[in-house]
Amino acid sequence: MTTIHHRESLENIEDGVSFDLHSFAQSCGQSPEWVLQLLEYEILSRRPEERIHQFFAADLARAQQAYRLQRDFDASFSAVAMMLDLIDEVQQLRKQVKHCNFIHS
């Protein structure tokens, strides 16, 4: 398993800033191959072919979350992808419940 060393904190990265594959991997403290695995397993969202190696601050947050799951649970990329899908679904359901509660209040 790969070790991550956070090079930059998320607070220092503006939303509009983009990274190429190598600078993104460096910011994650990972290899470009690790980042490509995130794309292959759709842990990072799909992007158009001409922008396949363009990354943003939201991608960095997602990559860091993926690494923590991988590290904490000794999880494979496919397991991390499934965990993140479930986390996303729970967050979406919580928003819907909160919205419904607001309407009925």
PDB file of N, CA and C in Angstrom:
ATOM      1  N   MET A   1       0.845  -1.179   0.000  1.00  0.00           N
ATOM      2  CA  MET A   1       0.000   0.000   0.000  1.00  0.00           C
ATOM      3  C   MET A   1       0.888   1.239   0.000  1.00  0.00           C
ATOM      4  N   THR A   2       0.449   2.280  -0.673  1.00  0.00           N
ATOM      5  CA  THR A   2       1.198   3.509  -0.819  1.00  0.00           C
ATOM      6  C   THR A   2       0.977   4.416   0.383  1.00  0.00           C
ATOM      7  N   THR A   3       2.011   5.144   0.752  1.00  0.00           N
ATOM      8  CA  THR A   3       1.902   6.086   1.858  1.00  0.00           C
ATOM      9  C   THR A   3       1.657   7.480   1.305  1.00  0.00           C
ATOM     10  N   ILE A   4       0.781   8.204   1.944  1.00  0.00           N
ATOM     11  CA  ILE A   4       0.481   9.565   1.513  1.00  0.00           C
ATOM     12  C   ILE A   4       1.134  10.566   2.452  1.00  0.00           C
ATOM     13  N   HIS A   5       1.640  11.594   1.877  1.00  0.00           N
ATOM     14  CA  HIS A   5       2.184  12.716   2.634  1.00  0.00           C
ATOM     15  C   HIS A   5       1.547  13.959   2.058  1.00  0.00           C
ATOM     16  N   HIS A   6       0.706  14.627   2.819  1.00  0.00           N
ATOM     17  CA  HIS A   6      -0.010  15.797   2.309  1.00  0.00           C
ATOM     18  C   HIS A   6       0.987  16.918   2.077  1.00  0.00           C
ATOM     19  N   ARG A   7       1.098  17.347   0.836  1.00  0.00           N
ATOM     20  CA  ARG A   7       2.022  18.415   0.470  1.00  0.00           C
ATOM     21  C   ARG A   7       1.400  19.797   0.684  1.00  0.00           C
ATOM     22  N   GLU A   8       0.101  19.903   0.450  1.00  0.00           N
ATOM     23  CA  GLU A   8      -0.594  21.177   0.587  1.00  0.00           C
ATOM     24  C   GLU A   8      -1.892  20.926   1.330  1.00  0.00           C
ATOM     25  N   SER A   9      -2.287  21.898   2.131  1.00  0.00           N
ATOM     26  CA  SER A   9      -3.587  21.750   2.779  1.00  0.00           C
ATOM     27  C   SER A   9      -4.661  22.273   1.842  1.00  0.00           C
ATOM     28  N   LEU A  10      -5.863  21.759   1.990  1.00  0.00           N
ATOM     29  CA  LEU A  10      -6.965  22.164   1.131  1.00  0.00           C
ATOM     30  C   LEU A  10      -7.295  23.645   1.291  1.00  0.00           C
ATOM     31  N   GLU A  11      -7.040  24.222   2.452  1.00  0.00           N
ATOM     32  CA  GLU A  11      -7.356  25.625   2.672  1.00  0.00           C
ATOM     33  C   GLU A  11      -6.540  26.533   1.764  1.00  0.00           C
ATOM     34  N   ASN A  12      -5.367  26.081   1.336  1.00  0.00           N
ATOM     35  CA  ASN A  12      -4.485  26.901   0.521  1.00  0.00           C
ATOM     36  C   ASN A  12      -4.746  26.763  -0.972  1.00  0.00           C
ATOM     37  N   ILE A  13      -5.715  25.978  -1.359  1.00  0.00           N
ATOM     38  CA  ILE A  13      -5.977  25.729  -2.772  1.00  0.00           C
ATOM     39  C   ILE A  13      -7.307  26.357  -3.148  1.00  0.00           C
ATOM     40  N   GLU A  14      -7.268  27.230  -4.137  1.00  0.00           N
ATOM     41  CA  GLU A  14      -8.482  27.896  -4.599  1.00  0.00           C
ATOM     42  C   GLU A  14      -9.270  26.960  -5.499  1.00  0.00           C
ATOM     43  N   ASP A  15     -10.594  27.159  -5.534  1.00  0.00           N
ATOM     44  CA  ASP A  15     -11.468  26.295  -6.321  1.00  0.00           C
ATOM     45  C   ASP A  15     -11.141  26.293  -7.809  1.00  0.00           C
ATOM     46  N   GLY A  16     -10.736  27.399  -8.378  1.00  0.00           N
ATOM     47  CA  GLY A  16     -10.497  27.484  -9.812  1.00  0.00           C
ATOM     48  C   GLY A  16      -9.160  26.929 -10.263  1.00  0.00           C
ATOM     49  N   VAL A  17      -8.272  26.634  -9.336  1.00  0.00           N
ATOM     50  CA  VAL A  17      -6.940  26.156  -9.678  1.00  0.00           C
ATOM     51  C   VAL A  17      -7.024  24.722 -10.190  1.00  0.00           C
ATOM     52  N   SER A  18      -6.301  24.459 -11.271  1.00  0.00           N
ATOM     53  CA  SER A  18      -6.275  23.085 -11.785  1.00  0.00           C
ATOM     54  C   SER A  18      -4.854  22.551 -11.735  1.00  0.00           C
ATOM     55  N   PHE A  19      -4.758  21.229 -11.716  1.00  0.00           N
ATOM     56  CA  PHE A  19      -3.490  20.522 -11.643  1.00  0.00           C
ATOM     57  C   PHE A  19      -3.383  19.593 -12.846  1.00  0.00           C
ATOM     58  N   ASP A  20      -2.160  19.376 -13.306  1.00  0.00           N
ATOM     59  CA  ASP A  20      -1.949  18.291 -14.262  1.00  0.00           C
ATOM     60  C   ASP A  20      -1.710  17.017 -13.447  1.00  0.00           C
ATOM     61  N   LEU A  21      -1.572  15.895 -14.115  1.00  0.00           N
ATOM     62  CA  LEU A  21      -1.444  14.606 -13.428  1.00  0.00           C
ATOM     63  C   LEU A  21      -0.295  14.603 -12.428  1.00  0.00           C
ATOM     64  N   HIS A  22       0.864  15.068 -12.842  1.00  0.00           N
ATOM     65  CA  HIS A  22       2.039  14.976 -11.962  1.00  0.00           C
ATOM     66  C   HIS A  22       1.952  15.933 -10.781  1.00  0.00           C
ATOM     67  N   SER A  23       1.471  17.155 -10.998  1.00  0.00           N
ATOM     68  CA  SER A  23       1.354  18.076  -9.864  1.00  0.00           C
ATOM     69  C   SER A  23       0.244  17.632  -8.917  1.00  0.00           C
ATOM     70  N   PHE A  24      -0.828  17.031  -9.470  1.00  0.00           N
ATOM     71  CA  PHE A  24      -1.894  16.502  -8.623  1.00  0.00           C
ATOM     72  C   PHE A  24      -1.377  15.341  -7.771  1.00  0.00           C
ATOM     73  N   ALA A  25      -0.652  14.431  -8.399  1.00  0.00           N
ATOM     74  CA  ALA A  25      -0.090  13.294  -7.661  1.00  0.00           C
ATOM     75  C   ALA A  25       0.855  13.783  -6.564  1.00  0.00           C
ATOM     76  N   GLN A  26       1.651  14.781  -6.884  1.00  0.00           N
ATOM     77  CA  GLN A  26       2.571  15.337  -5.893  1.00  0.00           C
ATOM     78  C   GLN A  26       1.802  15.978  -4.748  1.00  0.00           C
ATOM     79  N   SER A  27       0.724  16.701  -5.057  1.00  0.00           N
ATOM     80  CA  SER A  27      -0.096  17.318  -4.016  1.00  0.00           C
ATOM     81  C   SER A  27      -0.754  16.273  -3.116  1.00  0.00           C
ATOM     82  N   CYS A  28      -1.064  15.114  -3.705  1.00  0.00           N
ATOM     83  CA  CYS A  28      -1.649  14.009  -2.933  1.00  0.00           C
ATOM     84  C   CYS A  28      -0.589  13.234  -2.155  1.00  0.00           C
ATOM     85  N   GLY A  29       0.673  13.429  -2.511  1.00  0.00           N
ATOM     86  CA  GLY A  29       1.740  12.645  -1.897  1.00  0.00           C
ATOM     87  C   GLY A  29       1.756  11.228  -2.427  1.00  0.00           C
ATOM     88  N   GLN A  30       1.280  11.055  -3.659  1.00  0.00           N
ATOM     89  CA  GLN A  30       1.149   9.734  -4.269  1.00  0.00           C
ATOM     90  C   GLN A  30       1.817   9.719  -5.631  1.00  0.00           C
ATOM     91  N   SER A  31       1.844   8.560  -6.222  1.00  0.00           N
ATOM     92  CA  SER A  31       2.395   8.412  -7.571  1.00  0.00           C
ATOM     93  C   SER A  31       1.309   8.712  -8.596  1.00  0.00           C
ATOM     94  N   PRO A  32       1.709   9.087  -9.808  1.00  0.00           N
ATOM     95  CA  PRO A  32       0.713   9.257 -10.876  1.00  0.00           C
ATOM     96  C   PRO A  32      -0.079   7.968 -11.126  1.00  0.00           C
ATOM     97  N   GLU A  33       0.550   6.822 -10.953  1.00  0.00           N
ATOM     98  CA  GLU A  33      -0.142   5.541 -11.146  1.00  0.00           C
ATOM     99  C   GLU A  33      -1.286   5.379 -10.154  1.00  0.00           C
ATOM    100  N   TRP A  34      -1.079   5.818  -8.915  1.00  0.00           N
ATOM    101  CA  TRP A  34      -2.132   5.759  -7.899  1.00  0.00           C
ATOM    102  C   TRP A  34      -3.311   6.626  -8.326  1.00  0.00           C
ATOM    103  N   VAL A  35      -3.016   7.821  -8.819  1.00  0.00           N
ATOM    104  CA  VAL A  35      -4.063   8.735  -9.286  1.00  0.00           C
ATOM    105  C   VAL A  35      -4.826   8.107 -10.452  1.00  0.00           C
ATOM    106  N   LEU A  36      -4.113   7.480 -11.376  1.00  0.00           N
ATOM    107  CA  LEU A  36      -4.769   6.836 -12.512  1.00  0.00           C
ATOM    108  C   LEU A  36      -5.696   5.714 -12.051  1.00  0.00           C
ATOM    109  N   GLN A  37      -5.338   5.053 -10.966  1.00  0.00           N
ATOM    110  CA  GLN A  37      -6.220   4.025 -10.396  1.00  0.00           C
ATOM    111  C   GLN A  37      -7.514   4.653  -9.883  1.00  0.00           C
ATOM    112  N   LEU A  38      -7.418   5.860  -9.313  1.00  0.00           N
ATOM    113  CA  LEU A  38      -8.621   6.555  -8.858  1.00  0.00           C
ATOM    114  C   LEU A  38      -9.555   6.829 -10.031  1.00  0.00           C
ATOM    115  N   LEU A  39      -8.990   7.171 -11.164  1.00  0.00           N
ATOM    116  CA  LEU A  39      -9.800   7.401 -12.368  1.00  0.00           C
ATOM    117  C   LEU A  39     -10.366   6.089 -12.895  1.00  0.00           C
ATOM    118  N   GLU A  40      -9.538   5.054 -12.921  1.00  0.00           N
ATOM    119  CA  GLU A  40      -9.981   3.764 -13.448  1.00  0.00           C
ATOM    120  C   GLU A  40     -11.152   3.201 -12.655  1.00  0.00           C
ATOM    121  N   TYR A  41     -11.103   3.350 -11.346  1.00  0.00           N
ATOM    122  CA  TYR A  41     -12.167   2.826 -10.486  1.00  0.00           C
ATOM    123  C   TYR A  41     -13.281   3.847 -10.256  1.00  0.00           C
ATOM    124  N   GLU A  42     -13.223   4.956 -11.000  1.00  0.00           N
ATOM    125  CA  GLU A  42     -14.229   6.013 -10.935  1.00  0.00           C
ATOM    126  C   GLU A  42     -14.395   6.584  -9.526  1.00  0.00           C
ATOM    127  N   ILE A  43     -13.302   6.584  -8.769  1.00  0.00           N
ATOM    128  CA  ILE A  43     -13.283   7.239  -7.465  1.00  0.00           C
ATOM    129  C   ILE A  43     -13.274   8.748  -7.685  1.00  0.00           C
ATOM    130  N   LEU A  44     -12.531   9.180  -8.686  1.00  0.00           N
ATOM    131  CA  LEU A  44     -12.616  10.555  -9.163  1.00  0.00           C
ATOM    132  C   LEU A  44     -13.582  10.570 -10.329  1.00  0.00           C
ATOM    133  N   SER A  45     -14.371  11.613 -10.424  1.00  0.00           N
ATOM    134  CA  SER A  45     -15.412  11.655 -11.447  1.00  0.00           C
ATOM    135  C   SER A  45     -14.838  11.603 -12.854  1.00  0.00           C
ATOM    136  N   ARG A  46     -15.648  11.018 -13.734  1.00  0.00           N
ATOM    137  CA  ARG A  46     -15.258  10.933 -15.147  1.00  0.00           C
ATOM    138  C   ARG A  46     -15.095  12.329 -15.717  1.00  0.00           C
ATOM    139  N   ARG A  47     -14.220  12.432 -16.674  1.00  0.00           N
ATOM    140  CA  ARG A  47     -13.996  13.707 -17.339  1.00  0.00           C
ATOM    141  C   ARG A  47     -13.817  13.484 -18.829  1.00  0.00           C
ATOM    142  N   PRO A  48     -14.026  14.515 -19.619  1.00  0.00           N
ATOM    143  CA  PRO A  48     -13.845  14.353 -21.067  1.00  0.00           C
ATOM    144  C   PRO A  48     -12.419  13.915 -21.389  1.00  0.00           C
ATOM    145  N   GLU A  49     -12.266  13.166 -22.451  1.00  0.00           N
ATOM    146  CA  GLU A  49     -10.955  12.619 -22.833  1.00  0.00           C
ATOM    147  C   GLU A  49      -9.880  13.703 -22.915  1.00  0.00           C
ATOM    148  N   GLU A  50     -10.229  14.871 -23.446  1.00  0.00           N
ATOM    149  CA  GLU A  50      -9.218  15.930 -23.596  1.00  0.00           C
ATOM    150  C   GLU A  50      -8.821  16.556 -22.254  1.00  0.00           C
ATOM    151  N   ARG A  51      -9.580  16.268 -21.199  1.00  0.00           N
ATOM    152  CA  ARG A  51      -9.259  16.802 -19.866  1.00  0.00           C
ATOM    153  C   ARG A  51      -9.037  15.677 -18.855  1.00  0.00           C
ATOM    154  N   ILE A  52      -8.664  14.509 -19.336  1.00  0.00           N
ATOM    155  CA  ILE A  52      -8.534  13.331 -18.465  1.00  0.00           C
ATOM    156  C   ILE A  52      -7.510  13.551 -17.349  1.00  0.00           C
ATOM    157  N   HIS A  53      -6.501  14.358 -17.611  1.00  0.00           N
ATOM    158  CA  HIS A  53      -5.466  14.584 -16.601  1.00  0.00           C
ATOM    159  C   HIS A  53      -5.510  16.001 -16.045  1.00  0.00           C
ATOM    160  N   GLN A  54      -6.709  16.561 -15.925  1.00  0.00           N
ATOM    161  CA  GLN A  54      -6.893  17.866 -15.307  1.00  0.00           C
ATOM    162  C   GLN A  54      -7.668  17.658 -14.011  1.00  0.00           C
ATOM    163  N   PHE A  55      -7.132  18.166 -12.917  1.00  0.00           N
ATOM    164  CA  PHE A  55      -7.702  17.943 -11.597  1.00  0.00           C
ATOM    165  C   PHE A  55      -7.916  19.280 -10.890  1.00  0.00           C
ATOM    166  N   PHE A  56      -8.865  19.283  -9.946  1.00  0.00           N
ATOM    167  CA  PHE A  56      -9.232  20.494  -9.219  1.00  0.00           C
ATOM    168  C   PHE A  56      -9.206  20.229  -7.712  1.00  0.00           C
ATOM    169  N   ALA A  57      -9.462  21.284  -6.932  1.00  0.00           N
ATOM    170  CA  ALA A  57      -9.438  21.175  -5.469  1.00  0.00           C
ATOM    171  C   ALA A  57     -10.410  20.107  -4.972  1.00  0.00           C
ATOM    172  N   ALA A  58     -11.592  20.012  -5.563  1.00  0.00           N
ATOM    173  CA  ALA A  58     -12.568  18.990  -5.147  1.00  0.00           C
ATOM    174  C   ALA A  58     -12.014  17.590  -5.379  1.00  0.00           C
ATOM    175  N   ASP A  59     -11.233  17.422  -6.453  1.00  0.00           N
ATOM    176  CA  ASP A  59     -10.609  16.126  -6.718  1.00  0.00           C
ATOM    177  C   ASP A  59      -9.581  15.799  -5.639  1.00  0.00           C
ATOM    178  N   LEU A  60      -8.872  16.819  -5.179  1.00  0.00           N
ATOM    179  CA  LEU A  60      -7.874  16.597  -4.134  1.00  0.00           C
ATOM    180  C   LEU A  60      -8.554  16.151  -2.840  1.00  0.00           C
ATOM    181  N   ALA A  61      -9.658  16.779  -2.490  1.00  0.00           N
ATOM    182  CA  ALA A  61     -10.400  16.387  -1.286  1.00  0.00           C
ATOM    183  C   ALA A  61     -10.877  14.942  -1.417  1.00  0.00           C
ATOM    184  N   ARG A  62     -11.385  14.575  -2.584  1.00  0.00           N
ATOM    185  CA  ARG A  62     -11.875  13.213  -2.823  1.00  0.00           C
ATOM    186  C   ARG A  62     -10.716  12.214  -2.760  1.00  0.00           C
ATOM    187  N   ALA A  63      -9.586  12.562  -3.340  1.00  0.00           N
ATOM    188  CA  ALA A  63      -8.416  11.676  -3.319  1.00  0.00           C
ATOM    189  C   ALA A  63      -7.927  11.464  -1.885  1.00  0.00           C
ATOM    190  N   GLN A  64      -7.925  12.522  -1.102  1.00  0.00           N
ATOM    191  CA  GLN A  64      -7.505  12.393   0.298  1.00  0.00           C
ATOM    192  C   GLN A  64      -8.474  11.522   1.081  1.00  0.00           C
ATOM    193  N   GLN A  65      -9.767  11.675   0.808  1.00  0.00           N
ATOM    194  CA  GLN A  65     -10.768  10.831   1.465  1.00  0.00           C
ATOM    195  C   GLN A  65     -10.567   9.370   1.046  1.00  0.00           C
ATOM    196  N   ALA A  66     -10.307   9.144  -0.226  1.00  0.00           N
ATOM    197  CA  ALA A  66     -10.068   7.787  -0.723  1.00  0.00           C
ATOM    198  C   ALA A  66      -8.839   7.182  -0.052  1.00  0.00           C
ATOM    199  N   TYR A  67      -7.789   7.974   0.060  1.00  0.00           N
ATOM    200  CA  TYR A  67      -6.582   7.448   0.705  1.00  0.00           C
ATOM    201  C   TYR A  67      -6.857   7.068   2.154  1.00  0.00           C
ATOM    202  N   ARG A  68      -7.579   7.920   2.889  1.00  0.00           N
ATOM    203  CA  ARG A  68      -7.873   7.612   4.304  1.00  0.00           C
ATOM    204  C   ARG A  68      -8.646   6.301   4.425  1.00  0.00           C
ATOM    205  N   LEU A  69      -9.619   6.088   3.543  1.00  0.00           N
ATOM    206  CA  LEU A  69     -10.371   4.835   3.575  1.00  0.00           C
ATOM    207  C   LEU A  69      -9.463   3.655   3.241  1.00  0.00           C
ATOM    208  N   GLN A  70      -8.618   3.844   2.254  1.00  0.00           N
ATOM    209  CA  GLN A  70      -7.692   2.784   1.853  1.00  0.00           C
ATOM    210  C   GLN A  70      -6.748   2.439   3.008  1.00  0.00           C
ATOM    211  N   ARG A  71      -6.234   3.462   3.646  1.00  0.00           N
ATOM    212  CA  ARG A  71      -5.294   3.274   4.752  1.00  0.00           C
ATOM    213  C   ARG A  71      -5.978   2.689   5.982  1.00  0.00           C
ATOM    214  N   ASP A  72      -7.092   3.280   6.392  1.00  0.00           N
ATOM    215  CA  ASP A  72      -7.746   2.889   7.638  1.00  0.00           C
ATOM    216  C   ASP A  72      -8.347   1.490   7.586  1.00  0.00           C
ATOM    217  N   PHE A  73      -8.826   1.085   6.416  1.00  0.00           N
ATOM    218  CA  PHE A  73      -9.484  -0.214   6.289  1.00  0.00           C
ATOM    219  C   PHE A  73      -8.683  -1.212   5.454  1.00  0.00           C
ATOM    220  N   ASP A  74      -7.466  -0.818   5.073  1.00  0.00           N
ATOM    221  CA  ASP A  74      -6.634  -1.667   4.214  1.00  0.00           C
ATOM    222  C   ASP A  74      -7.466  -2.140   3.017  1.00  0.00           C
ATOM    223  N   ALA A  75      -8.169  -1.175   2.406  1.00  0.00           N
ATOM    224  CA  ALA A  75      -9.148  -1.471   1.361  1.00  0.00           C
ATOM    225  C   ALA A  75      -8.545  -1.382  -0.030  1.00  0.00           C
ATOM    226  N   SER A  76      -9.062  -2.194  -0.911  1.00  0.00           N
ATOM    227  CA  SER A  76      -8.689  -2.144  -2.321  1.00  0.00           C
ATOM    228  C   SER A  76      -9.350  -0.933  -2.974  1.00  0.00           C
ATOM    229  N   PHE A  77      -8.945  -0.618  -4.186  1.00  0.00           N
ATOM    230  CA  PHE A  77      -9.563   0.486  -4.905  1.00  0.00           C
ATOM    231  C   PHE A  77     -11.052   0.230  -5.142  1.00  0.00           C
ATOM    232  N   SER A  78     -11.405  -0.997  -5.456  1.00  0.00           N
ATOM    233  CA  SER A  78     -12.828  -1.286  -5.691  1.00  0.00           C
ATOM    234  C   SER A  78     -13.635  -1.134  -4.405  1.00  0.00           C
ATOM    235  N   ALA A  79     -13.079  -1.535  -3.271  1.00  0.00           N
ATOM    236  CA  ALA A  79     -13.767  -1.361  -1.988  1.00  0.00           C
ATOM    237  C   ALA A  79     -13.899   0.125  -1.649  1.00  0.00           C
ATOM    238  N   VAL A  80     -12.849   0.894  -1.903  1.00  0.00           N
ATOM    239  CA  VAL A  80     -12.896   2.337  -1.649  1.00  0.00           C
ATOM    240  C   VAL A  80     -13.969   2.984  -2.519  1.00  0.00           C
ATOM    241  N   ALA A  81     -14.037   2.586  -3.783  1.00  0.00           N
ATOM    242  CA  ALA A  81     -15.062   3.139  -4.685  1.00  0.00           C
ATOM    243  C   ALA A  81     -16.459   2.858  -4.140  1.00  0.00           C
ATOM    244  N   MET A  82     -16.685   1.650  -3.657  1.00  0.00           N
ATOM    245  CA  MET A  82     -17.994   1.293  -3.116  1.00  0.00           C
ATOM    246  C   MET A  82     -18.281   2.090  -1.839  1.00  0.00           C
ATOM    247  N   MET A  83     -17.299   2.214  -0.964  1.00  0.00           N
ATOM    248  CA  MET A  83     -17.498   2.977   0.270  1.00  0.00           C
ATOM    249  C   MET A  83     -17.836   4.434  -0.031  1.00  0.00           C
ATOM    250  N   LEU A  84     -17.128   5.026  -0.987  1.00  0.00           N
ATOM    251  CA  LEU A  84     -17.391   6.416  -1.331  1.00  0.00           C
ATOM    252  C   LEU A  84     -18.767   6.590  -1.962  1.00  0.00           C
ATOM    253  N   ASP A  85     -19.188   5.631  -2.784  1.00  0.00           N
ATOM    254  CA  ASP A  85     -20.541   5.678  -3.350  1.00  0.00           C
ATOM    255  C   ASP A  85     -21.588   5.651  -2.236  1.00  0.00           C
ATOM    256  N   LEU A  86     -21.373   4.794  -1.252  1.00  0.00           N
ATOM    257  CA  LEU A  86     -22.314   4.707  -0.130  1.00  0.00           C
ATOM    258  C   LEU A  86     -22.306   5.976   0.713  1.00  0.00           C
ATOM    259  N   ILE A  87     -21.135   6.537   0.943  1.00  0.00           N
ATOM    260  CA  ILE A  87     -21.031   7.798   1.693  1.00  0.00           C
ATOM    261  C   ILE A  87     -21.770   8.899   0.947  1.00  0.00           C
ATOM    262  N   ASP A  88     -21.569   8.979  -0.368  1.00  0.00           N
ATOM    263  CA  ASP A  88     -22.263   9.989  -1.179  1.00  0.00           C
ATOM    264  C   ASP A  88     -23.770   9.810  -1.108  1.00  0.00           C
ATOM    265  N   GLU A  89     -24.216   8.568  -1.179  1.00  0.00           N
ATOM    266  CA  GLU A  89     -25.655   8.294  -1.137  1.00  0.00           C
ATOM    267  C   GLU A  89     -26.249   8.681   0.215  1.00  0.00           C
ATOM    268  N   VAL A  90     -25.567   8.372   1.290  1.00  0.00           N
ATOM    269  CA  VAL A  90     -26.050   8.742   2.628  1.00  0.00           C
ATOM    270  C   VAL A  90     -26.126  10.262   2.753  1.00  0.00           C
ATOM    271  N   GLN A  91     -25.113  10.967   2.244  1.00  0.00           N
ATOM    272  CA  GLN A  91     -25.141  12.429   2.315  1.00  0.00           C
ATOM    273  C   GLN A  91     -26.311  12.998   1.515  1.00  0.00           C
ATOM    274  N   GLN A  92     -26.563  12.428   0.349  1.00  0.00           N
ATOM    275  CA  GLN A  92     -27.687  12.876  -0.473  1.00  0.00           C
ATOM    276  C   GLN A  92     -29.023  12.620   0.234  1.00  0.00           C
ATOM    277  N   LEU A  93     -29.164  11.448   0.826  1.00  0.00           N
ATOM    278  CA  LEU A  93     -30.394  11.127   1.553  1.00  0.00           C
ATOM    279  C   LEU A  93     -30.591  12.052   2.751  1.00  0.00           C
ATOM    280  N   ARG A  94     -29.521  12.382   3.431  1.00  0.00           N
ATOM    281  CA  ARG A  94     -29.619  13.307   4.569  1.00  0.00           C
ATOM    282  C   ARG A  94     -30.086  14.682   4.111  1.00  0.00           C
ATOM    283  N   LYS A  95     -29.592  15.135   2.959  1.00  0.00           N
ATOM    284  CA  LYS A  95     -30.040  16.419   2.417  1.00  0.00           C
ATOM    285  C   LYS A  95     -31.521  16.377   2.081  1.00  0.00           C
ATOM    286  N   GLN A  96     -31.975  15.270   1.508  1.00  0.00           N
ATOM    287  CA  GLN A  96     -33.385  15.142   1.158  1.00  0.00           C
ATOM    288  C   GLN A  96     -34.261  15.139   2.403  1.00  0.00           C
ATOM    289  N   VAL A  97     -33.849  14.421   3.429  1.00  0.00           N
ATOM    290  CA  VAL A  97     -34.613  14.382   4.679  1.00  0.00           C
ATOM    291  C   VAL A  97     -34.647  15.766   5.316  1.00  0.00           C
ATOM    292  N   LYS A  98     -33.524  16.433   5.319  1.00  0.00           N
ATOM    293  CA  LYS A  98     -33.460  17.778   5.892  1.00  0.00           C
ATOM    294  C   LYS A  98     -34.380  18.723   5.127  1.00  0.00           C
ATOM    295  N   HIS A  99     -34.397  18.620   3.808  1.00  0.00           N
ATOM    296  CA  HIS A  99     -35.260  19.441   2.975  1.00  0.00           C
ATOM    297  C   HIS A  99     -36.738  19.141   3.266  1.00  0.00           C
ATOM    298  N   CYS A 100     -37.069  17.866   3.372  1.00  0.00           N
ATOM    299  CA  CYS A 100     -38.461  17.472   3.679  1.00  0.00           C
ATOM    300  C   CYS A 100     -38.877  17.983   5.056  1.00  0.00           C
ATOM    301  N   ASN A 101     -38.001  17.878   6.020  1.00  0.00           N
ATOM    302  CA  ASN A 101     -38.302  18.387   7.372  1.00  0.00           C
ATOM    303  C   ASN A 101     -38.487  19.883   7.367  1.00  0.00           C
ATOM    304  N   PHE A 102     -37.722  20.592   6.548  1.00  0.00           N
ATOM    305  CA  PHE A 102     -37.847  22.045   6.453  1.00  0.00           C
ATOM    306  C   PHE A 102     -39.189  22.423   5.851  1.00  0.00           C
ATOM    307  N   ILE A 103     -39.617  21.728   4.821  1.00  0.00           N
ATOM    308  CA  ILE A 103     -40.887  22.010   4.146  1.00  0.00           C
ATOM    309  C   ILE A 103     -42.065  21.756   5.086  1.00  0.00           C
ATOM    310  N   HIS A 104     -41.991  20.714   5.886  1.00  0.00           N
ATOM    311  CA  HIS A 104     -43.101  20.329   6.766  1.00  0.00           C
ATOM    312  C   HIS A 104     -43.077  21.062   8.105  1.00  0.00           C
ATOM    313  N   SER A 105     -42.105  21.944   8.309  1.00  0.00           N
ATOM    314  CA  SER A 105     -42.035  22.689   9.567  1.00  0.00           C
ATOM    315  C   SER A 105     -42.897  23.916   9.549  1.00  0.00           C
TER     316      SER A 105
END
